[in-house]
Amino acid sequence: MANEVKILIACGSGIATSTVAQEKIKDILKEAGIPARITKGTVGQLPSLQDSVDVIMLTTRYPKPLNKPMVQVFGLISGIGEDAVKQQVIDACRKVLDES
């Protein structure tokens, strides 16, 4: 069983929005008691980074298929639908822990 969920947070530039999202996701997972290791990157790095993580969380659109579960987390930054996004983050991470 995995003892932590490996998460990649990707945004367009890899700086601003992913940093905000990372802090919020850390808080969400801490509250839910889910251990995680978070990496940040850009959408351009997704093809090379996706194999080293369990879940991908995006703050921007990404049209290509990914081979890992993906959660759209822009709502954590915009505040729109934030509760639904929080639940998706928790569900995706719990699923990884359950399946490992």
PDB file of N, CA and C in Angstrom:
ATOM      1  N   MET A   1       0.835  -1.194   0.000  1.00  0.00           N
ATOM      2  CA  MET A   1       0.000   0.000   0.000  1.00  0.00           C
ATOM      3  C   MET A   1       0.875   1.251   0.000  1.00  0.00           C
ATOM      4  N   ALA A   2       0.501   2.202  -0.834  1.00  0.00           N
ATOM      5  CA  ALA A   2       1.250   3.459  -0.870  1.00  0.00           C
ATOM      6  C   ALA A   2       1.020   4.197   0.438  1.00  0.00           C
ATOM      7  N   ASN A   3       2.067   4.801   0.964  1.00  0.00           N
ATOM      8  CA  ASN A   3       1.894   5.530   2.212  1.00  0.00           C
ATOM      9  C   ASN A   3       1.668   7.012   1.967  1.00  0.00           C
ATOM     10  N   GLU A   4       1.752   7.421   0.706  1.00  0.00           N
ATOM     11  CA  GLU A   4       1.426   8.799   0.365  1.00  0.00           C
ATOM     12  C   GLU A   4       1.020   8.865  -1.093  1.00  0.00           C
ATOM     13  N   VAL A   5       0.287   9.908  -1.414  1.00  0.00           N
ATOM     14  CA  VAL A   5      -0.152  10.123  -2.791  1.00  0.00           C
ATOM     15  C   VAL A   5       0.815  11.105  -3.427  1.00  0.00           C
ATOM     16  N   LYS A   6       1.330  10.736  -4.609  1.00  0.00           N
ATOM     17  CA  LYS A   6       2.216  11.646  -5.320  1.00  0.00           C
ATOM     18  C   LYS A   6       1.379  12.475  -6.294  1.00  0.00           C
ATOM     19  N   ILE A   7       1.420  13.789  -6.092  1.00  0.00           N
ATOM     20  CA  ILE A   7       0.577  14.702  -6.862  1.00  0.00           C
ATOM     21  C   ILE A   7       1.448  15.646  -7.673  1.00  0.00           C
ATOM     22  N   LEU A   8       1.037  15.865  -8.916  1.00  0.00           N
ATOM     23  CA  LEU A   8       1.669  16.887  -9.740  1.00  0.00           C
ATOM     24  C   LEU A   8       0.647  18.000  -9.949  1.00  0.00           C
ATOM     25  N   ILE A   9       1.008  19.219  -9.581  1.00  0.00           N
ATOM     26  CA  ILE A   9       0.148  20.368  -9.841  1.00  0.00           C
ATOM     27  C   ILE A   9       0.754  21.112 -11.011  1.00  0.00           C
ATOM     28  N   ALA A  10      -0.022  21.234 -12.081  1.00  0.00           N
ATOM     29  CA  ALA A  10       0.501  21.879 -13.282  1.00  0.00           C
ATOM     30  C   ALA A  10      -0.343  23.086 -13.662  1.00  0.00           C
ATOM     31  N   CYS A  11       0.346  24.152 -14.048  1.00  0.00           N
ATOM     32  CA  CYS A  11      -0.344  25.327 -14.573  1.00  0.00           C
ATOM     33  C   CYS A  11       0.375  25.767 -15.835  1.00  0.00           C
ATOM     34  N   GLY A  12      -0.124  26.813 -16.445  1.00  0.00           N
ATOM     35  CA  GLY A  12       0.471  27.270 -17.699  1.00  0.00           C
ATOM     36  C   GLY A  12       1.933  27.645 -17.558  1.00  0.00           C
ATOM     37  N   SER A  13       2.257  28.411 -16.515  1.00  0.00           N
ATOM     38  CA  SER A  13       3.632  28.904 -16.374  1.00  0.00           C
ATOM     39  C   SER A  13       4.437  28.141 -15.336  1.00  0.00           C
ATOM     40  N   GLY A  14       3.749  27.394 -14.460  1.00  0.00           N
ATOM     41  CA  GLY A  14       4.466  26.649 -13.435  1.00  0.00           C
ATOM     42  C   GLY A  14       4.821  27.482 -12.221  1.00  0.00           C
ATOM     43  N   ILE A  15       4.316  28.715 -12.150  1.00  0.00           N
ATOM     44  CA  ILE A  15       4.683  29.556 -11.015  1.00  0.00           C
ATOM     45  C   ILE A  15       3.463  29.973 -10.202  1.00  0.00           C
ATOM     46  N   ALA A  16       2.749  30.965 -10.669  1.00  0.00           N
ATOM     47  CA  ALA A  16       1.759  31.638  -9.829  1.00  0.00           C
ATOM     48  C   ALA A  16       0.605  30.757  -9.379  1.00  0.00           C
ATOM     49  N   THR A  17      -0.221  30.303 -10.319  1.00  0.00           N
ATOM     50  CA  THR A  17      -1.430  29.602  -9.891  1.00  0.00           C
ATOM     51  C   THR A  17      -1.121  28.269  -9.235  1.00  0.00           C
ATOM     52  N   SER A  18      -0.061  27.598  -9.674  1.00  0.00           N
ATOM     53  CA  SER A  18       0.230  26.298  -9.066  1.00  0.00           C
ATOM     54  C   SER A  18       0.682  26.464  -7.615  1.00  0.00           C
ATOM     55  N   THR A  19       1.311  27.590  -7.298  1.00  0.00           N
ATOM     56  CA  THR A  19       1.738  27.840  -5.922  1.00  0.00           C
ATOM     57  C   THR A  19       0.525  28.053  -5.017  1.00  0.00           C
ATOM     58  N   VAL A  20      -0.431  28.837  -5.489  1.00  0.00           N
ATOM     59  CA  VAL A  20      -1.667  29.054  -4.734  1.00  0.00           C
ATOM     60  C   VAL A  20      -2.401  27.719  -4.555  1.00  0.00           C
ATOM     61  N   ALA A  21      -2.534  26.976  -5.649  1.00  0.00           N
ATOM     62  CA  ALA A  21      -3.230  25.692  -5.603  1.00  0.00           C
ATOM     63  C   ALA A  21      -2.511  24.727  -4.661  1.00  0.00           C
ATOM     64  N   GLN A  22      -1.190  24.725  -4.697  1.00  0.00           N
ATOM     65  CA  GLN A  22      -0.417  23.813  -3.852  1.00  0.00           C
ATOM     66  C   GLN A  22      -0.718  24.053  -2.378  1.00  0.00           C
ATOM     67  N   GLU A  23      -0.751  25.309  -1.956  1.00  0.00           N
ATOM     68  CA  GLU A  23      -1.030  25.611  -0.548  1.00  0.00           C
ATOM     69  C   GLU A  23      -2.426  25.152  -0.158  1.00  0.00           C
ATOM     70  N   LYS A  24      -3.398  25.409  -1.034  1.00  0.00           N
ATOM     71  CA  LYS A  24      -4.780  25.014  -0.727  1.00  0.00           C
ATOM     72  C   LYS A  24      -4.910  23.493  -0.681  1.00  0.00           C
ATOM     73  N   ILE A  25      -4.270  22.802  -1.626  1.00  0.00           N
ATOM     74  CA  ILE A  25      -4.353  21.342  -1.676  1.00  0.00           C
ATOM     75  C   ILE A  25      -3.674  20.740  -0.452  1.00  0.00           C
ATOM     76  N   LYS A  26      -2.548  21.308  -0.038  1.00  0.00           N
ATOM     77  CA  LYS A  26      -1.882  20.845   1.187  1.00  0.00           C
ATOM     78  C   LYS A  26      -2.838  20.911   2.377  1.00  0.00           C
ATOM     79  N   ASP A  27      -3.545  22.048   2.493  1.00  0.00           N
ATOM     80  CA  ASP A  27      -4.492  22.225   3.601  1.00  0.00           C
ATOM     81  C   ASP A  27      -5.648  21.230   3.522  1.00  0.00           C
ATOM     82  N   ILE A  28      -6.189  21.048   2.318  1.00  0.00           N
ATOM     83  CA  ILE A  28      -7.316  20.129   2.114  1.00  0.00           C
ATOM     84  C   ILE A  28      -6.914  18.714   2.532  1.00  0.00           C
ATOM     85  N   LEU A  29      -5.741  18.264   2.069  1.00  0.00           N
ATOM     86  CA  LEU A  29      -5.302  16.897   2.349  1.00  0.00           C
ATOM     87  C   LEU A  29      -4.915  16.726   3.806  1.00  0.00           C
ATOM     88  N   LYS A  30      -4.366  17.766   4.416  1.00  0.00           N
ATOM     89  CA  LYS A  30      -4.020  17.698   5.836  1.00  0.00           C
ATOM     90  C   LYS A  30      -5.283  17.506   6.664  1.00  0.00           C
ATOM     91  N   GLU A  31      -6.324  18.307   6.335  1.00  0.00           N
ATOM     92  CA  GLU A  31      -7.615  18.183   7.026  1.00  0.00           C
ATOM     93  C   GLU A  31      -8.215  16.793   6.845  1.00  0.00           C
ATOM     94  N   ALA A  32      -8.033  16.224   5.655  1.00  0.00           N
ATOM     95  CA  ALA A  32      -8.623  14.916   5.344  1.00  0.00           C
ATOM     96  C   ALA A  32      -7.742  13.767   5.844  1.00  0.00           C
ATOM     97  N   GLY A  33      -6.547  14.098   6.368  1.00  0.00           N
ATOM     98  CA  GLY A  33      -5.639  13.067   6.868  1.00  0.00           C
ATOM     99  C   GLY A  33      -5.019  12.230   5.766  1.00  0.00           C
ATOM    100  N   ILE A  34      -4.806  12.838   4.610  1.00  0.00           N
ATOM    101  CA  ILE A  34      -4.218  12.124   3.469  1.00  0.00           C
ATOM    102  C   ILE A  34      -2.771  12.587   3.277  1.00  0.00           C
ATOM    103  N   PRO A  35      -1.812  11.666   3.433  1.00  0.00           N
ATOM    104  CA  PRO A  35      -0.408  12.043   3.224  1.00  0.00           C
ATOM    105  C   PRO A  35      -0.108  12.186   1.731  1.00  0.00           C
ATOM    106  N   ALA A  36       0.595  13.250   1.387  1.00  0.00           N
ATOM    107  CA  ALA A  36       0.873  13.474  -0.031  1.00  0.00           C
ATOM    108  C   ALA A  36       2.227  14.142  -0.220  1.00  0.00           C
ATOM    109  N   ARG A  37       2.793  13.871  -1.379  1.00  0.00           N
ATOM    110  CA  ARG A  37       3.999  14.590  -1.805  1.00  0.00           C
ATOM    111  C   ARG A  37       3.617  15.345  -3.072  1.00  0.00           C
ATOM    112  N   ILE A  38       3.790  16.669  -3.046  1.00  0.00           N
ATOM    113  CA  ILE A  38       3.334  17.503  -4.152  1.00  0.00           C
ATOM    114  C   ILE A  38       4.517  18.052  -4.936  1.00  0.00           C
ATOM    115  N   THR A  39       4.419  17.914  -6.257  1.00  0.00           N
ATOM    116  CA  THR A  39       5.407  18.465  -7.173  1.00  0.00           C
ATOM    117  C   THR A  39       4.684  19.492  -8.034  1.00  0.00           C
ATOM    118  N   LYS A  40       5.385  20.565  -8.407  1.00  0.00           N
ATOM    119  CA  LYS A  40       4.778  21.547  -9.300  1.00  0.00           C
ATOM    120  C   LYS A  40       5.459  21.493 -10.650  1.00  0.00           C
ATOM    121  N   GLY A  41       4.687  21.816 -11.677  1.00  0.00           N
ATOM    122  CA  GLY A  41       5.269  21.848 -13.009  1.00  0.00           C
ATOM    123  C   GLY A  41       4.384  22.634 -13.954  1.00  0.00           C
ATOM    124  N   THR A  42       4.741  22.603 -15.228  1.00  0.00           N
ATOM    125  CA  THR A  42       3.935  23.268 -16.245  1.00  0.00           C
ATOM    126  C   THR A  42       3.226  22.205 -17.077  1.00  0.00           C
ATOM    127  N   VAL A  43       2.190  22.625 -17.788  1.00  0.00           N
ATOM    128  CA  VAL A  43       1.494  21.661 -18.633  1.00  0.00           C
ATOM    129  C   VAL A  43       2.427  21.083 -19.688  1.00  0.00           C
ATOM    130  N   GLY A  44       3.426  21.850 -20.091  1.00  0.00           N
ATOM    131  CA  GLY A  44       4.386  21.338 -21.069  1.00  0.00           C
ATOM    132  C   GLY A  44       5.211  20.166 -20.552  1.00  0.00           C
ATOM    133  N   GLN A  45       5.322  20.074 -19.220  1.00  0.00           N
ATOM    134  CA  GLN A  45       6.099  18.982 -18.614  1.00  0.00           C
ATOM    135  C   GLN A  45       5.255  17.732 -18.345  1.00  0.00           C
ATOM    136  N   LEU A  46       3.940  17.830 -18.530  1.00  0.00           N
ATOM    137  CA  LEU A  46       3.061  16.699 -18.193  1.00  0.00           C
ATOM    138  C   LEU A  46       3.476  15.376 -18.839  1.00  0.00           C
ATOM    139  N   PRO A  47       3.756  15.353 -20.154  1.00  0.00           N
ATOM    140  CA  PRO A  47       4.114  14.061 -20.748  1.00  0.00           C
ATOM    141  C   PRO A  47       5.305  13.394 -20.065  1.00  0.00           C
ATOM    142  N   SER A  48       6.296  14.180 -19.652  1.00  0.00           N
ATOM    143  CA  SER A  48       7.482  13.576 -19.039  1.00  0.00           C
ATOM    144  C   SER A  48       7.318  13.324 -17.538  1.00  0.00           C
ATOM    145  N   LEU A  49       6.440  14.082 -16.881  1.00  0.00           N
ATOM    146  CA  LEU A  49       6.304  13.944 -15.426  1.00  0.00           C
ATOM    147  C   LEU A  49       5.182  13.015 -14.977  1.00  0.00           C
ATOM    148  N   GLN A  50       4.188  12.755 -15.852  1.00  0.00           N
ATOM    149  CA  GLN A  50       3.003  12.036 -15.394  1.00  0.00           C
ATOM    150  C   GLN A  50       3.290  10.619 -14.889  1.00  0.00           C
ATOM    151  N   ASP A  51       4.326   9.976 -15.404  1.00  0.00           N
ATOM    152  CA  ASP A  51       4.601   8.607 -14.971  1.00  0.00           C
ATOM    153  C   ASP A  51       5.172   8.522 -13.560  1.00  0.00           C
ATOM    154  N   SER A  52       5.612   9.662 -13.019  1.00  0.00           N
ATOM    155  CA  SER A  52       6.214   9.624 -11.683  1.00  0.00           C
ATOM    156  C   SER A  52       5.231  10.041 -10.581  1.00  0.00           C
ATOM    157  N   VAL A  53       3.965  10.268 -10.952  1.00  0.00           N
ATOM    158  CA  VAL A  53       2.972  10.690  -9.962  1.00  0.00           C
ATOM    159  C   VAL A  53       1.729   9.816 -10.032  1.00  0.00           C
ATOM    160  N   ASP A  54       0.859   9.958  -9.006  1.00  0.00           N
ATOM    161  CA  ASP A  54      -0.396   9.197  -8.945  1.00  0.00           C
ATOM    162  C   ASP A  54      -1.577   9.993  -9.476  1.00  0.00           C
ATOM    163  N   VAL A  55      -1.578  11.295  -9.205  1.00  0.00           N
ATOM    164  CA  VAL A  55      -2.698  12.154  -9.585  1.00  0.00           C
ATOM    165  C   VAL A  55      -2.143  13.457 -10.150  1.00  0.00           C
ATOM    166  N   ILE A  56      -2.810  13.964 -11.188  1.00  0.00           N
ATOM    167  CA  ILE A  56      -2.417  15.235 -11.775  1.00  0.00           C
ATOM    168  C   ILE A  56      -3.513  16.253 -11.481  1.00  0.00           C
ATOM    169  N   MET A  57      -3.120  17.407 -10.967  1.00  0.00           N
ATOM    170  CA  MET A  57      -4.076  18.469 -10.683  1.00  0.00           C
ATOM    171  C   MET A  57      -3.705  19.676 -11.530  1.00  0.00           C
ATOM    172  N   LEU A  58      -4.685  20.144 -12.306  1.00  0.00           N
ATOM    173  CA  LEU A  58      -4.427  21.207 -13.269  1.00  0.00           C
ATOM    174  C   LEU A  58      -5.150  22.495 -12.913  1.00  0.00           C
ATOM    175  N   THR A  59      -4.473  23.622 -13.093  1.00  0.00           N
ATOM    176  CA  THR A  59      -5.130  24.909 -12.899  1.00  0.00           C
ATOM    177  C   THR A  59      -5.525  25.504 -14.246  1.00  0.00           C
ATOM    178  N   THR A  60      -5.247  24.776 -15.307  1.00  0.00           N
ATOM    179  CA  THR A  60      -5.525  25.280 -16.650  1.00  0.00           C
ATOM    180  C   THR A  60      -6.047  24.123 -17.507  1.00  0.00           C
ATOM    181  N   ARG A  61      -6.497  24.417 -18.685  1.00  0.00           N
ATOM    182  CA  ARG A  61      -7.001  23.353 -19.569  1.00  0.00           C
ATOM    183  C   ARG A  61      -5.831  22.579 -20.177  1.00  0.00           C
ATOM    184  N   TYR A  62      -6.055  21.286 -20.347  1.00  0.00           N
ATOM    185  CA  TYR A  62      -5.046  20.455 -21.017  1.00  0.00           C
ATOM    186  C   TYR A  62      -5.796  19.487 -21.914  1.00  0.00           C
ATOM    187  N   PRO A  63      -5.711  19.697 -23.238  1.00  0.00           N
ATOM    188  CA  PRO A  63      -6.561  18.947 -24.171  1.00  0.00           C
ATOM    189  C   PRO A  63      -6.115  17.519 -24.469  1.00  0.00           C
ATOM    190  N   LYS A  64      -4.882  17.190 -24.149  1.00  0.00           N
ATOM    191  CA  LYS A  64      -4.389  15.863 -24.525  1.00  0.00           C
ATOM    192  C   LYS A  64      -4.738  14.832 -23.456  1.00  0.00           C
ATOM    193  N   PRO A  65      -4.852  13.566 -23.846  1.00  0.00           N
ATOM    194  CA  PRO A  65      -5.146  12.531 -22.851  1.00  0.00           C
ATOM    195  C   PRO A  65      -3.957  12.303 -21.911  1.00  0.00           C
ATOM    196  N   LEU A  66      -4.273  12.008 -20.672  1.00  0.00           N
ATOM    197  CA  LEU A  66      -3.246  11.709 -19.675  1.00  0.00           C
ATOM    198  C   LEU A  66      -3.470  10.282 -19.196  1.00  0.00           C
ATOM    199  N   ASN A  67      -2.396   9.629 -18.735  1.00  0.00           N
ATOM    200  CA  ASN A  67      -2.569   8.248 -18.277  1.00  0.00           C
ATOM    201  C   ASN A  67      -2.743   8.169 -16.761  1.00  0.00           C
ATOM    202  N   LYS A  68      -3.019   9.297 -16.126  1.00  0.00           N
ATOM    203  CA  LYS A  68      -3.248   9.318 -14.676  1.00  0.00           C
ATOM    204  C   LYS A  68      -4.544  10.068 -14.397  1.00  0.00           C
ATOM    205  N   PRO A  69      -5.150   9.818 -13.227  1.00  0.00           N
ATOM    206  CA  PRO A  69      -6.355  10.584 -12.883  1.00  0.00           C
ATOM    207  C   PRO A  69      -6.029  12.076 -12.837  1.00  0.00           C
ATOM    208  N   MET A  70      -6.967  12.886 -13.332  1.00  0.00           N
ATOM    209  CA  MET A  70      -6.736  14.316 -13.413  1.00  0.00           C
ATOM    210  C   MET A  70      -7.869  15.049 -12.706  1.00  0.00           C
ATOM    211  N   VAL A  71      -7.505  16.050 -11.909  1.00  0.00           N
ATOM    212  CA  VAL A  71      -8.504  16.887 -11.241  1.00  0.00           C
ATOM    213  C   VAL A  71      -8.261  18.329 -11.680  1.00  0.00           C
ATOM    214  N   GLN A  72      -9.314  18.976 -12.134  1.00  0.00           N
ATOM    215  CA  GLN A  72      -9.246  20.382 -12.533  1.00  0.00           C
ATOM    216  C   GLN A  72      -9.417  21.216 -11.258  1.00  0.00           C
ATOM    217  N   VAL A  73      -8.376  21.930 -10.830  1.00  0.00           N
ATOM    218  CA  VAL A  73      -8.408  22.613  -9.530  1.00  0.00           C
ATOM    219  C   VAL A  73      -8.442  24.138  -9.626  1.00  0.00           C
ATOM    220  N   PHE A  74      -8.794  24.667 -10.801  1.00  0.00           N
ATOM    221  CA  PHE A  74      -8.827  26.119 -10.918  1.00  0.00           C
ATOM    222  C   PHE A  74      -9.827  26.738  -9.936  1.00  0.00           C
ATOM    223  N   GLY A  75     -10.871  26.007  -9.588  1.00  0.00           N
ATOM    224  CA  GLY A  75     -11.871  26.510  -8.643  1.00  0.00           C
ATOM    225  C   GLY A  75     -11.287  26.863  -7.282  1.00  0.00           C
ATOM    226  N   LEU A  76     -10.159  26.240  -6.916  1.00  0.00           N
ATOM    227  CA  LEU A  76      -9.511  26.570  -5.641  1.00  0.00           C
ATOM    228  C   LEU A  76      -8.925  27.977  -5.687  1.00  0.00           C
ATOM    229  N   ILE A  77      -8.600  28.436  -6.886  1.00  0.00           N
ATOM    230  CA  ILE A  77      -8.013  29.760  -7.045  1.00  0.00           C
ATOM    231  C   ILE A  77      -9.107  30.795  -7.272  1.00  0.00           C
ATOM    232  N   SER A  78     -10.080  30.449  -8.127  1.00  0.00           N
ATOM    233  CA  SER A  78     -11.147  31.395  -8.463  1.00  0.00           C
ATOM    234  C   SER A  78     -12.203  31.466  -7.372  1.00  0.00           C
ATOM    235  N   GLY A  79     -12.299  30.387  -6.564  1.00  0.00           N
ATOM    236  CA  GLY A  79     -13.341  30.334  -5.545  1.00  0.00           C
ATOM    237  C   GLY A  79     -14.670  29.828  -6.083  1.00  0.00           C
ATOM    238  N   ILE A  80     -14.754  29.598  -7.384  1.00  0.00           N
ATOM    239  CA  ILE A  80     -15.995  29.117  -7.996  1.00  0.00           C
ATOM    240  C   ILE A  80     -16.053  27.599  -7.896  1.00  0.00           C
ATOM    241  N   GLY A  81     -17.095  27.089  -7.247  1.00  0.00           N
ATOM    242  CA  GLY A  81     -17.234  25.641  -7.096  1.00  0.00           C
ATOM    243  C   GLY A  81     -16.154  25.034  -6.216  1.00  0.00           C
ATOM    244  N   GLU A  82     -15.645  25.825  -5.273  1.00  0.00           N
ATOM    245  CA  GLU A  82     -14.494  25.398  -4.469  1.00  0.00           C
ATOM    246  C   GLU A  82     -14.774  24.125  -3.667  1.00  0.00           C
ATOM    247  N   ASP A  83     -15.972  24.023  -3.091  1.00  0.00           N
ATOM    248  CA  ASP A  83     -16.286  22.837  -2.287  1.00  0.00           C
ATOM    249  C   ASP A  83     -16.285  21.574  -3.130  1.00  0.00           C
ATOM    250  N   ALA A  84     -16.826  21.670  -4.343  1.00  0.00           N
ATOM    251  CA  ALA A  84     -16.845  20.518  -5.249  1.00  0.00           C
ATOM    252  C   ALA A  84     -15.420  20.107  -5.621  1.00  0.00           C
ATOM    253  N   VAL A  85     -14.571  21.098  -5.863  1.00  0.00           N
ATOM    254  CA  VAL A  85     -13.174  20.812  -6.221  1.00  0.00           C
ATOM    255  C   VAL A  85     -12.462  20.146  -5.043  1.00  0.00           C
ATOM    256  N   LYS A  86     -12.690  20.662  -3.834  1.00  0.00           N
ATOM    257  CA  LYS A  86     -12.078  20.052  -2.647  1.00  0.00           C
ATOM    258  C   LYS A  86     -12.449  18.580  -2.560  1.00  0.00           C
ATOM    259  N   GLN A  87     -13.734  18.272  -2.796  1.00  0.00           N
ATOM    260  CA  GLN A  87     -14.191  16.886  -2.723  1.00  0.00           C
ATOM    261  C   GLN A  87     -13.517  16.033  -3.795  1.00  0.00           C
ATOM    262  N   GLN A  88     -13.359  16.586  -4.991  1.00  0.00           N
ATOM    263  CA  GLN A  88     -12.700  15.844  -6.083  1.00  0.00           C
ATOM    264  C   GLN A  88     -11.242  15.544  -5.727  1.00  0.00           C
ATOM    265  N   VAL A  89     -10.577  16.518  -5.118  1.00  0.00           N
ATOM    266  CA  VAL A  89      -9.179  16.333  -4.706  1.00  0.00           C
ATOM    267  C   VAL A  89      -9.090  15.186  -3.690  1.00  0.00           C
ATOM    268  N   ILE A  90      -9.961  15.226  -2.688  1.00  0.00           N
ATOM    269  CA  ILE A  90      -9.958  14.191  -1.644  1.00  0.00           C
ATOM    270  C   ILE A  90     -10.296  12.826  -2.239  1.00  0.00           C
ATOM    271  N   ASP A  91     -11.334  12.787  -3.078  1.00  0.00           N
ATOM    272  CA  ASP A  91     -11.768  11.510  -3.682  1.00  0.00           C
ATOM    273  C   ASP A  91     -10.661  10.900  -4.538  1.00  0.00           C
ATOM    274  N   ALA A  92     -10.009  11.724  -5.354  1.00  0.00           N
ATOM    275  CA  ALA A  92      -8.960  11.213  -6.253  1.00  0.00           C
ATOM    276  C   ALA A  92      -7.800  10.645  -5.428  1.00  0.00           C
ATOM    277  N   CYS A  93      -7.431  11.330  -4.342  1.00  0.00           N
ATOM    278  CA  CYS A  93      -6.313  10.874  -3.518  1.00  0.00           C
ATOM    279  C   CYS A  93      -6.671   9.625  -2.716  1.00  0.00           C
ATOM    280  N   ARG A  94      -7.890   9.575  -2.187  1.00  0.00           N
ATOM    281  CA  ARG A  94      -8.329   8.383  -1.452  1.00  0.00           C
ATOM    282  C   ARG A  94      -8.358   7.161  -2.356  1.00  0.00           C
ATOM    283  N   LYS A  95      -8.787   7.380  -3.618  1.00  0.00           N
ATOM    284  CA  LYS A  95      -8.862   6.283  -4.569  1.00  0.00           C
ATOM    285  C   LYS A  95      -7.467   5.690  -4.800  1.00  0.00           C
ATOM    286  N   VAL A  96      -6.478   6.558  -4.928  1.00  0.00           N
ATOM    287  CA  VAL A  96      -5.085   6.099  -5.118  1.00  0.00           C
ATOM    288  C   VAL A  96      -4.653   5.253  -3.926  1.00  0.00           C
ATOM    289  N   LEU A  97      -4.931   5.750  -2.716  1.00  0.00           N
ATOM    290  CA  LEU A  97      -4.523   5.018  -1.513  1.00  0.00           C
ATOM    291  C   LEU A  97      -5.267   3.685  -1.403  1.00  0.00           C
ATOM    292  N   ASP A  98      -6.552   3.687  -1.779  1.00  0.00           N
ATOM    293  CA  ASP A  98      -7.352   2.460  -1.705  1.00  0.00           C
ATOM    294  C   ASP A  98      -6.856   1.407  -2.695  1.00  0.00           C
ATOM    295  N   GLU A  99      -6.421   1.861  -3.870  1.00  0.00           N
ATOM    296  CA  GLU A  99      -6.038   0.919  -4.933  1.00  0.00           C
ATOM    297  C   GLU A  99      -4.631   0.409  -4.796  1.00  0.00           C
ATOM    298  N   SER A 100      -3.825   1.090  -3.985  1.00  0.00           N
ATOM    299  CA  SER A 100      -2.420   0.689  -3.912  1.00  0.00           C
ATOM    300  C   SER A 100      -2.211  -0.449  -2.914  1.00  0.00           C
TER     301      SER A 100
END
